mmCIF file of all heavy atoms, coordinates in Angstrom:
data_MODEL
# 
_entry.id   MODEL 
# 
loop_
_atom_site.group_PDB 
_atom_site.id 
_atom_site.type_symbol 
_atom_site.label_atom_id 
_atom_site.label_alt_id 
_atom_site.label_comp_id 
_atom_site.label_asym_id 
_atom_site.label_entity_id 
_atom_site.label_seq_id 
_atom_site.pdbx_PDB_ins_code 
_atom_site.Cartn_x 
_atom_site.Cartn_y 
_atom_site.Cartn_z 
_atom_site.occupancy 
_atom_site.B_iso_or_equiv 
_atom_site.pdbx_formal_charge 
_atom_site.auth_seq_id 
_atom_site.auth_comp_id 
_atom_site.auth_asym_id 
_atom_site.auth_atom_id 
_atom_site.pdbx_PDB_model_num 
ATOM 1   N N   . PHE A 1 1  ? 8.980   14.601 -15.396 1.00 0.00 ? 1  PHE A N   1 
ATOM 2   C CA  . PHE A 1 1  ? 8.498   13.711 -16.448 1.00 0.00 ? 1  PHE A CA  1 
ATOM 3   C C   . PHE A 1 1  ? 7.890   12.467 -15.844 1.00 0.00 ? 1  PHE A C   1 
ATOM 4   O O   . PHE A 1 1  ? 6.747   12.065 -16.189 1.00 0.00 ? 1  PHE A O   1 
ATOM 5   C CB  . PHE A 1 1  ? 9.667   13.345 -17.375 1.00 0.00 ? 1  PHE A CB  1 
ATOM 6   C CG  . PHE A 1 1  ? 9.344   12.250 -18.355 1.00 0.00 ? 1  PHE A CG  1 
ATOM 7   C CD1 . PHE A 1 1  ? 8.598   12.497 -19.484 1.00 0.00 ? 1  PHE A CD1 1 
ATOM 8   C CD2 . PHE A 1 1  ? 9.780   10.924 -18.110 1.00 0.00 ? 1  PHE A CD2 1 
ATOM 9   C CE1 . PHE A 1 1  ? 8.297   11.481 -20.380 1.00 0.00 ? 1  PHE A CE1 1 
ATOM 10  C CE2 . PHE A 1 1  ? 9.491   9.921  -19.006 1.00 0.00 ? 1  PHE A CE2 1 
ATOM 11  C CZ  . PHE A 1 1  ? 8.728   10.190 -20.143 1.00 0.00 ? 1  PHE A CZ  1 
ATOM 12  N N   . TRP A 1 2  ? 8.625   11.793 -14.947 1.00 0.00 ? 2  TRP A N   1 
ATOM 13  C CA  . TRP A 1 2  ? 8.119   10.543 -14.380 1.00 0.00 ? 2  TRP A CA  1 
ATOM 14  C C   . TRP A 1 2  ? 6.931   10.781 -13.455 1.00 0.00 ? 2  TRP A C   1 
ATOM 15  O O   . TRP A 1 2  ? 6.045   9.924  -13.328 1.00 0.00 ? 2  TRP A O   1 
ATOM 16  C CB  . TRP A 1 2  ? 9.221   9.801  -13.647 1.00 0.00 ? 2  TRP A CB  1 
ATOM 17  C CG  . TRP A 1 2  ? 10.249  9.200  -14.579 1.00 0.00 ? 2  TRP A CG  1 
ATOM 18  C CD1 . TRP A 1 2  ? 11.527  9.618  -14.749 1.00 0.00 ? 2  TRP A CD1 1 
ATOM 19  C CD2 . TRP A 1 2  ? 10.056  8.121  -15.474 1.00 0.00 ? 2  TRP A CD2 1 
ATOM 20  N NE1 . TRP A 1 2  ? 12.160  8.861  -15.705 1.00 0.00 ? 2  TRP A NE1 1 
ATOM 21  C CE2 . TRP A 1 2  ? 11.253  7.928  -16.167 1.00 0.00 ? 2  TRP A CE2 1 
ATOM 22  C CE3 . TRP A 1 2  ? 8.972   7.290  -15.768 1.00 0.00 ? 2  TRP A CE3 1 
ATOM 23  C CZ2 . TRP A 1 2  ? 11.429  6.952  -17.137 1.00 0.00 ? 2  TRP A CZ2 1 
ATOM 24  C CZ3 . TRP A 1 2  ? 9.123   6.310  -16.731 1.00 0.00 ? 2  TRP A CZ3 1 
ATOM 25  C CH2 . TRP A 1 2  ? 10.336  6.149  -17.397 1.00 0.00 ? 2  TRP A CH2 1 
ATOM 26  N N   . GLY A 1 3  ? 6.864   11.965 -12.820 1.00 0.00 ? 3  GLY A N   1 
ATOM 27  C CA  . GLY A 1 3  ? 5.693   12.284 -11.991 1.00 0.00 ? 3  GLY A CA  1 
ATOM 28  C C   . GLY A 1 3  ? 4.451   12.394 -12.842 1.00 0.00 ? 3  GLY A C   1 
ATOM 29  O O   . GLY A 1 3  ? 3.361   11.959 -12.424 1.00 0.00 ? 3  GLY A O   1 
ATOM 30  N N   . ILE A 1 4  ? 4.562   12.979 -14.035 1.00 0.00 ? 4  ILE A N   1 
ATOM 31  C CA  . ILE A 1 4  ? 3.409   13.069 -14.955 1.00 0.00 ? 4  ILE A CA  1 
ATOM 32  C C   . ILE A 1 4  ? 3.036   11.685 -15.465 1.00 0.00 ? 4  ILE A C   1 
ATOM 33  O O   . ILE A 1 4  ? 1.837   11.344 -15.561 1.00 0.00 ? 4  ILE A O   1 
ATOM 34  C CB  . ILE A 1 4  ? 3.737   14.009 -16.125 1.00 0.00 ? 4  ILE A CB  1 
ATOM 35  C CG1 . ILE A 1 4  ? 3.934   15.438 -15.597 1.00 0.00 ? 4  ILE A CG1 1 
ATOM 36  C CG2 . ILE A 1 4  ? 2.651   13.972 -17.179 1.00 0.00 ? 4  ILE A CG2 1 
ATOM 37  C CD1 . ILE A 1 4  ? 4.413   16.423 -16.652 1.00 0.00 ? 4  ILE A CD1 1 
ATOM 38  N N   . MET A 1 5  ? 4.049   10.872 -15.775 1.00 0.00 ? 5  MET A N   1 
ATOM 39  C CA  . MET A 1 5  ? 3.768   9.529  -16.266 1.00 0.00 ? 5  MET A CA  1 
ATOM 40  C C   . MET A 1 5  ? 3.050   8.682  -15.232 1.00 0.00 ? 5  MET A C   1 
ATOM 41  O O   . MET A 1 5  ? 2.159   7.895  -15.570 1.00 0.00 ? 5  MET A O   1 
ATOM 42  C CB  . MET A 1 5  ? 5.083   8.841  -16.674 1.00 0.00 ? 5  MET A CB  1 
ATOM 43  C CG  . MET A 1 5  ? 5.847   9.522  -17.809 1.00 0.00 ? 5  MET A CG  1 
ATOM 44  S SD  . MET A 1 5  ? 4.916   9.578  -19.363 1.00 0.00 ? 5  MET A SD  1 
ATOM 45  C CE  . MET A 1 5  ? 5.002   7.849  -19.841 1.00 0.00 ? 5  MET A CE  1 
ATOM 46  N N   . PHE A 1 6  ? 3.398   8.899  -13.938 1.00 0.00 ? 6  PHE A N   1 
ATOM 47  C CA  . PHE A 1 6  ? 2.817   8.075  -12.870 1.00 0.00 ? 6  PHE A CA  1 
ATOM 48  C C   . PHE A 1 6  ? 1.726   8.805  -12.074 1.00 0.00 ? 6  PHE A C   1 
ATOM 49  O O   . PHE A 1 6  ? 1.224   8.269  -11.088 1.00 0.00 ? 6  PHE A O   1 
ATOM 50  C CB  . PHE A 1 6  ? 3.910   7.637  -11.873 1.00 0.00 ? 6  PHE A CB  1 
ATOM 51  C CG  . PHE A 1 6  ? 4.931   6.732  -12.495 1.00 0.00 ? 6  PHE A CG  1 
ATOM 52  C CD1 . PHE A 1 6  ? 6.270   6.782  -12.068 1.00 0.00 ? 6  PHE A CD1 1 
ATOM 53  C CD2 . PHE A 1 6  ? 4.604   5.823  -13.493 1.00 0.00 ? 6  PHE A CD2 1 
ATOM 54  C CE1 . PHE A 1 6  ? 7.232   5.937  -12.623 1.00 0.00 ? 6  PHE A CE1 1 
ATOM 55  C CE2 . PHE A 1 6  ? 5.557   5.000  -14.057 1.00 0.00 ? 6  PHE A CE2 1 
ATOM 56  C CZ  . PHE A 1 6  ? 6.890   5.047  -13.627 1.00 0.00 ? 6  PHE A CZ  1 
ATOM 57  N N   . SER A 1 7  ? 1.392   10.022 -12.476 1.00 0.00 ? 7  SER A N   1 
ATOM 58  C CA  . SER A 1 7  ? 0.347   10.804 -11.799 1.00 0.00 ? 7  SER A CA  1 
ATOM 59  C C   . SER A 1 7  ? 0.651   10.997 -10.316 1.00 0.00 ? 7  SER A C   1 
ATOM 60  O O   . SER A 1 7  ? -0.126  10.604 -9.451  1.00 0.00 ? 7  SER A O   1 
ATOM 61  C CB  . SER A 1 7  ? -1.027  10.146 -11.962 1.00 0.00 ? 7  SER A CB  1 
ATOM 62  O OG  . SER A 1 7  ? -2.028  10.969 -11.348 1.00 0.00 ? 7  SER A OG  1 
ATOM 63  N N   . SER A 1 8  ? 1.786   11.658 -10.035 1.00 0.00 ? 8  SER A N   1 
ATOM 64  C CA  . SER A 1 8  ? 2.149   11.970 -8.645  1.00 0.00 ? 8  SER A CA  1 
ATOM 65  C C   . SER A 1 8  ? 2.430   13.458 -8.567  1.00 0.00 ? 8  SER A C   1 
ATOM 66  O O   . SER A 1 8  ? 3.331   13.971 -9.230  1.00 0.00 ? 8  SER A O   1 
ATOM 67  C CB  . SER A 1 8  ? 3.387   11.154 -8.217  1.00 0.00 ? 8  SER A CB  1 
ATOM 68  O OG  . SER A 1 8  ? 3.785   11.500 -6.912  1.00 0.00 ? 8  SER A OG  1 
ATOM 69  N N   . TYR A 1 9  ? 1.647   14.171 -7.731  1.00 0.00 ? 9  TYR A N   1 
ATOM 70  C CA  . TYR A 1 9  ? 1.787   15.610 -7.559  1.00 0.00 ? 9  TYR A CA  1 
ATOM 71  C C   . TYR A 1 9  ? 1.771   15.917 -6.071  1.00 0.00 ? 9  TYR A C   1 
ATOM 72  O O   . TYR A 1 9  ? 0.697   15.947 -5.455  1.00 0.00 ? 9  TYR A O   1 
ATOM 73  C CB  . TYR A 1 9  ? 0.653   16.372 -8.267  1.00 0.00 ? 9  TYR A CB  1 
ATOM 74  C CG  . TYR A 1 9  ? 0.579   16.070 -9.739  1.00 0.00 ? 9  TYR A CG  1 
ATOM 75  C CD1 . TYR A 1 9  ? -0.145  14.974 -10.227 1.00 0.00 ? 9  TYR A CD1 1 
ATOM 76  C CD2 . TYR A 1 9  ? 1.227   16.877 -10.678 1.00 0.00 ? 9  TYR A CD2 1 
ATOM 77  C CE1 . TYR A 1 9  ? -0.213  14.695 -11.581 1.00 0.00 ? 9  TYR A CE1 1 
ATOM 78  C CE2 . TYR A 1 9  ? 1.182   16.597 -12.031 1.00 0.00 ? 9  TYR A CE2 1 
ATOM 79  C CZ  . TYR A 1 9  ? 0.462   15.507 -12.469 1.00 0.00 ? 9  TYR A CZ  1 
ATOM 80  O OH  . TYR A 1 9  ? 0.405   15.214 -13.826 1.00 0.00 ? 9  TYR A OH  1 
ATOM 81  N N   . PHE A 1 10 ? 2.954   16.074 -5.493  1.00 0.00 ? 10 PHE A N   1 
ATOM 82  C CA  . PHE A 1 10 ? 3.097   16.149 -4.020  1.00 0.00 ? 10 PHE A CA  1 
ATOM 83  C C   . PHE A 1 10 ? 2.414   14.933 -3.391  1.00 0.00 ? 10 PHE A C   1 
ATOM 84  O O   . PHE A 1 10 ? 1.596   15.062 -2.483  1.00 0.00 ? 10 PHE A O   1 
ATOM 85  C CB  . PHE A 1 10 ? 2.498   17.437 -3.464  1.00 0.00 ? 10 PHE A CB  1 
ATOM 86  C CG  . PHE A 1 10 ? 3.299   18.669 -3.754  1.00 0.00 ? 10 PHE A CG  1 
ATOM 87  C CD1 . PHE A 1 10 ? 2.689   19.815 -4.230  1.00 0.00 ? 10 PHE A CD1 1 
ATOM 88  C CD2 . PHE A 1 10 ? 4.669   18.691 -3.563  1.00 0.00 ? 10 PHE A CD2 1 
ATOM 89  C CE1 . PHE A 1 10 ? 3.426   20.956 -4.517  1.00 0.00 ? 10 PHE A CE1 1 
ATOM 90  C CE2 . PHE A 1 10 ? 5.418   19.839 -3.842  1.00 0.00 ? 10 PHE A CE2 1 
ATOM 91  C CZ  . PHE A 1 10 ? 4.796   20.970 -4.331  1.00 0.00 ? 10 PHE A CZ  1 
ATOM 92  N N   . GLY A 1 11 ? 2.740   13.763 -3.884  1.00 0.00 ? 11 GLY A N   1 
ATOM 93  C CA  . GLY A 1 11 ? 2.080   12.531 -3.421  1.00 0.00 ? 11 GLY A CA  1 
ATOM 94  C C   . GLY A 1 11 ? 0.659   12.507 -3.915  1.00 0.00 ? 11 GLY A C   1 
ATOM 95  O O   . GLY A 1 11 ? 0.385   12.689 -5.105  1.00 0.00 ? 11 GLY A O   1 
ATOM 96  N N   . ASN A 1 12 ? -0.288  12.297 -3.004  1.00 0.00 ? 12 ASN A N   1 
ATOM 97  C CA  . ASN A 1 12 ? -1.711  12.338 -3.373  1.00 0.00 ? 12 ASN A CA  1 
ATOM 98  C C   . ASN A 1 12 ? -2.376  13.589 -2.823  1.00 0.00 ? 12 ASN A C   1 
ATOM 99  O O   . ASN A 1 12 ? -3.548  13.586 -2.475  1.00 0.00 ? 12 ASN A O   1 
ATOM 100 C CB  . ASN A 1 12 ? -2.419  11.076 -2.866  1.00 0.00 ? 12 ASN A CB  1 
ATOM 101 C CG  . ASN A 1 12 ? -2.389  10.995 -1.328  1.00 0.00 ? 12 ASN A CG  1 
ATOM 102 O OD1 . ASN A 1 12 ? -1.571  11.648 -0.705  1.00 0.00 ? 12 ASN A OD1 1 
ATOM 103 N ND2 . ASN A 1 12 ? -3.258  10.182 -0.767  1.00 0.00 ? 12 ASN A ND2 1 
ATOM 104 N N   . ALA A 1 13 ? -1.589  14.684 -2.735  1.00 0.00 ? 13 ALA A N   1 
ATOM 105 C CA  . ALA A 1 13 ? -2.107  15.929 -2.159  1.00 0.00 ? 13 ALA A CA  1 
ATOM 106 C C   . ALA A 1 13 ? -3.321  16.466 -2.917  1.00 0.00 ? 13 ALA A C   1 
ATOM 107 O O   . ALA A 1 13 ? -4.257  17.003 -2.310  1.00 0.00 ? 13 ALA A O   1 
ATOM 108 C CB  . ALA A 1 13 ? -1.000  16.987 -2.131  1.00 0.00 ? 13 ALA A CB  1 
ATOM 109 N N   . VAL A 1 14 ? -3.311  16.331 -4.234  1.00 0.00 ? 14 VAL A N   1 
ATOM 110 C CA  . VAL A 1 14 ? -4.439  16.850 -5.041  1.00 0.00 ? 14 VAL A CA  1 
ATOM 111 C C   . VAL A 1 14 ? -5.737  16.140 -4.647  1.00 0.00 ? 14 VAL A C   1 
ATOM 112 O O   . VAL A 1 14 ? -6.796  16.778 -4.443  1.00 0.00 ? 14 VAL A O   1 
ATOM 113 C CB  . VAL A 1 14 ? -4.158  16.680 -6.541  1.00 0.00 ? 14 VAL A CB  1 
ATOM 114 C CG1 . VAL A 1 14 ? -5.375  17.110 -7.363  1.00 0.00 ? 14 VAL A CG1 1 
ATOM 115 C CG2 . VAL A 1 14 ? -2.932  17.495 -6.937  1.00 0.00 ? 14 VAL A CG2 1 
ATOM 116 N N   . ASP A 1 15 ? -5.694  14.808 -4.536  1.00 0.00 ? 15 ASP A N   1 
ATOM 117 C CA  . ASP A 1 15 ? -6.902  14.053 -4.177  1.00 0.00 ? 15 ASP A CA  1 
ATOM 118 C C   . ASP A 1 15 ? -7.376  14.403 -2.770  1.00 0.00 ? 15 ASP A C   1 
ATOM 119 O O   . ASP A 1 15 ? -8.593  14.600 -2.540  1.00 0.00 ? 15 ASP A O   1 
ATOM 120 C CB  . ASP A 1 15 ? -6.602  12.545 -4.243  1.00 0.00 ? 15 ASP A CB  1 
ATOM 121 C CG  . ASP A 1 15 ? -6.288  12.091 -5.655  1.00 0.00 ? 15 ASP A CG  1 
ATOM 122 O OD1 . ASP A 1 15 ? -6.592  12.867 -6.594  1.00 0.00 ? 15 ASP A OD1 1 
ATOM 123 O OD2 . ASP A 1 15 ? -5.739  10.989 -5.823  1.00 0.00 ? 15 ASP A OD2 1 
ATOM 124 N N   . VAL A 1 16 ? -6.420  14.505 -1.817  1.00 0.00 ? 16 VAL A N   1 
ATOM 125 C CA  . VAL A 1 16 ? -6.791  14.768 -0.433  1.00 0.00 ? 16 VAL A CA  1 
ATOM 126 C C   . VAL A 1 16 ? -7.399  16.162 -0.295  1.00 0.00 ? 16 VAL A C   1 
ATOM 127 O O   . VAL A 1 16 ? -8.441  16.350 0.364   1.00 0.00 ? 16 VAL A O   1 
ATOM 128 C CB  . VAL A 1 16 ? -5.558  14.619 0.501   1.00 0.00 ? 16 VAL A CB  1 
ATOM 129 C CG1 . VAL A 1 16 ? -5.882  15.087 1.909   1.00 0.00 ? 16 VAL A CG1 1 
ATOM 130 C CG2 . VAL A 1 16 ? -5.088  13.174 0.500   1.00 0.00 ? 16 VAL A CG2 1 
ATOM 131 N N   . ILE A 1 17 ? -6.747  17.167 -0.878  1.00 0.00 ? 17 ILE A N   1 
ATOM 132 C CA  . ILE A 1 17 ? -7.242  18.546 -0.778  1.00 0.00 ? 17 ILE A CA  1 
ATOM 133 C C   . ILE A 1 17 ? -8.629  18.678 -1.417  1.00 0.00 ? 17 ILE A C   1 
ATOM 134 O O   . ILE A 1 17 ? -9.532  19.321 -0.865  1.00 0.00 ? 17 ILE A O   1 
ATOM 135 C CB  . ILE A 1 17 ? -6.255  19.538 -1.440  1.00 0.00 ? 17 ILE A CB  1 
ATOM 136 C CG1 . ILE A 1 17 ? -4.967  19.582 -0.627  1.00 0.00 ? 17 ILE A CG1 1 
ATOM 137 C CG2 . ILE A 1 17 ? -6.850  20.931 -1.560  1.00 0.00 ? 17 ILE A CG2 1 
ATOM 138 C CD1 . ILE A 1 17 ? -3.842  20.368 -1.270  1.00 0.00 ? 17 ILE A CD1 1 
ATOM 139 N N   . ALA A 1 18 ? -8.806  18.029 -2.545  1.00 0.00 ? 18 ALA A N   1 
ATOM 140 C CA  . ALA A 1 18 ? -10.113 18.111 -3.237  1.00 0.00 ? 18 ALA A CA  1 
ATOM 141 C C   . ALA A 1 18 ? -11.207 17.483 -2.403  1.00 0.00 ? 18 ALA A C   1 
ATOM 142 O O   . ALA A 1 18 ? -12.320 18.028 -2.308  1.00 0.00 ? 18 ALA A O   1 
ATOM 143 C CB  . ALA A 1 18 ? -10.005 17.437 -4.598  1.00 0.00 ? 18 ALA A CB  1 
ATOM 144 N N   . SER A 1 19 ? -10.950 16.330 -1.797  1.00 0.00 ? 19 SER A N   1 
ATOM 145 C CA  . SER A 1 19 ? -11.985 15.627 -1.035  1.00 0.00 ? 19 SER A CA  1 
ATOM 146 C C   . SER A 1 19 ? -12.250 16.273 0.310   1.00 0.00 ? 19 SER A C   1 
ATOM 147 O O   . SER A 1 19 ? -13.411 16.357 0.761   1.00 0.00 ? 19 SER A O   1 
ATOM 148 C CB  . SER A 1 19 ? -11.582 14.159 -0.835  1.00 0.00 ? 19 SER A CB  1 
ATOM 149 O OG  . SER A 1 19 ? -10.367 14.077 -0.112  1.00 0.00 ? 19 SER A OG  1 
ATOM 150 N N   . VAL A 1 20 ? -11.192 16.771 1.008   1.00 0.00 ? 20 VAL A N   1 
ATOM 151 C CA  . VAL A 1 20 ? -11.353 17.314 2.357   1.00 0.00 ? 20 VAL A CA  1 
ATOM 152 C C   . VAL A 1 20 ? -11.922 18.728 2.326   1.00 0.00 ? 20 VAL A C   1 
ATOM 153 O O   . VAL A 1 20 ? -12.841 19.062 3.088   1.00 0.00 ? 20 VAL A O   1 
ATOM 154 C CB  . VAL A 1 20 ? -9.992  17.297 3.108   1.00 0.00 ? 20 VAL A CB  1 
ATOM 155 C CG1 . VAL A 1 20 ? -10.105 18.050 4.435   1.00 0.00 ? 20 VAL A CG1 1 
ATOM 156 C CG2 . VAL A 1 20 ? -9.546  15.868 3.344   1.00 0.00 ? 20 VAL A CG2 1 
ATOM 157 N N   . PHE A 1 21 ? -11.414 19.564 1.457   1.00 0.00 ? 21 PHE A N   1 
ATOM 158 C CA  . PHE A 1 21 ? -11.795 20.982 1.476   1.00 0.00 ? 21 PHE A CA  1 
ATOM 159 C C   . PHE A 1 21 ? -12.917 21.319 0.480   1.00 0.00 ? 21 PHE A C   1 
ATOM 160 O O   . PHE A 1 21 ? -13.627 22.314 0.674   1.00 0.00 ? 21 PHE A O   1 
ATOM 161 C CB  . PHE A 1 21 ? -10.589 21.862 1.172   1.00 0.00 ? 21 PHE A CB  1 
ATOM 162 C CG  . PHE A 1 21 ? -9.522  21.803 2.230   1.00 0.00 ? 21 PHE A CG  1 
ATOM 163 C CD1 . PHE A 1 21 ? -8.419  20.984 2.104   1.00 0.00 ? 21 PHE A CD1 1 
ATOM 164 C CD2 . PHE A 1 21 ? -9.641  22.557 3.402   1.00 0.00 ? 21 PHE A CD2 1 
ATOM 165 C CE1 . PHE A 1 21 ? -7.453  20.919 3.072   1.00 0.00 ? 21 PHE A CE1 1 
ATOM 166 C CE2 . PHE A 1 21 ? -8.684  22.482 4.382   1.00 0.00 ? 21 PHE A CE2 1 
ATOM 167 C CZ  . PHE A 1 21 ? -7.574  21.677 4.218   1.00 0.00 ? 21 PHE A CZ  1 
ATOM 168 N N   . PHE A 1 22 ? -13.059 20.506 -0.586  1.00 0.00 ? 22 PHE A N   1 
ATOM 169 C CA  . PHE A 1 22 ? -14.060 20.850 -1.578  1.00 0.00 ? 22 PHE A CA  1 
ATOM 170 C C   . PHE A 1 22 ? -15.112 19.754 -1.764  1.00 0.00 ? 22 PHE A C   1 
ATOM 171 O O   . PHE A 1 22 ? -16.053 19.931 -2.543  1.00 0.00 ? 22 PHE A O   1 
ATOM 172 C CB  . PHE A 1 22 ? -13.395 21.158 -2.931  1.00 0.00 ? 22 PHE A CB  1 
ATOM 173 C CG  . PHE A 1 22 ? -12.398 22.286 -2.846  1.00 0.00 ? 22 PHE A CG  1 
ATOM 174 C CD1 . PHE A 1 22 ? -11.040 21.993 -2.773  1.00 0.00 ? 22 PHE A CD1 1 
ATOM 175 C CD2 . PHE A 1 22 ? -12.809 23.601 -2.828  1.00 0.00 ? 22 PHE A CD2 1 
ATOM 176 C CE1 . PHE A 1 22 ? -10.114 23.020 -2.701  1.00 0.00 ? 22 PHE A CE1 1 
ATOM 177 C CE2 . PHE A 1 22 ? -11.878 24.633 -2.761  1.00 0.00 ? 22 PHE A CE2 1 
ATOM 178 C CZ  . PHE A 1 22 ? -10.526 24.345 -2.679  1.00 0.00 ? 22 PHE A CZ  1 
ATOM 179 N N   . GLY A 1 23 ? -14.933 18.633 -1.064  1.00 0.00 ? 23 GLY A N   1 
ATOM 180 C CA  . GLY A 1 23 ? -15.930 17.575 -1.135  1.00 0.00 ? 23 GLY A CA  1 
ATOM 181 C C   . GLY A 1 23 ? -16.124 16.984 -2.513  1.00 0.00 ? 23 GLY A C   1 
ATOM 182 O O   . GLY A 1 23 ? -17.229 16.579 -2.857  1.00 0.00 ? 23 GLY A O   1 
ATOM 183 N N   . THR A 1 24 ? -15.076 16.939 -3.293  1.00 0.00 ? 24 THR A N   1 
ATOM 184 C CA  . THR A 1 24 ? -15.158 16.409 -4.646  1.00 0.00 ? 24 THR A CA  1 
ATOM 185 C C   . THR A 1 24 ? -13.915 15.566 -4.950  1.00 0.00 ? 24 THR A C   1 
ATOM 186 O O   . THR A 1 24 ? -13.015 15.468 -4.129  1.00 0.00 ? 24 THR A O   1 
ATOM 187 C CB  . THR A 1 24 ? -15.275 17.545 -5.678  1.00 0.00 ? 24 THR A CB  1 
ATOM 188 O OG1 . THR A 1 24 ? -15.472 16.985 -6.974  1.00 0.00 ? 24 THR A OG1 1 
ATOM 189 C CG2 . THR A 1 24 ? -14.033 18.422 -5.686  1.00 0.00 ? 24 THR A CG2 1 
# 
């Protein structure tokens, strides 16, 4: 619940994976 409220999904793994592997 608190992870959704604060936008934390394995830390900032979603942002890093998207920018490094998909360039977006």
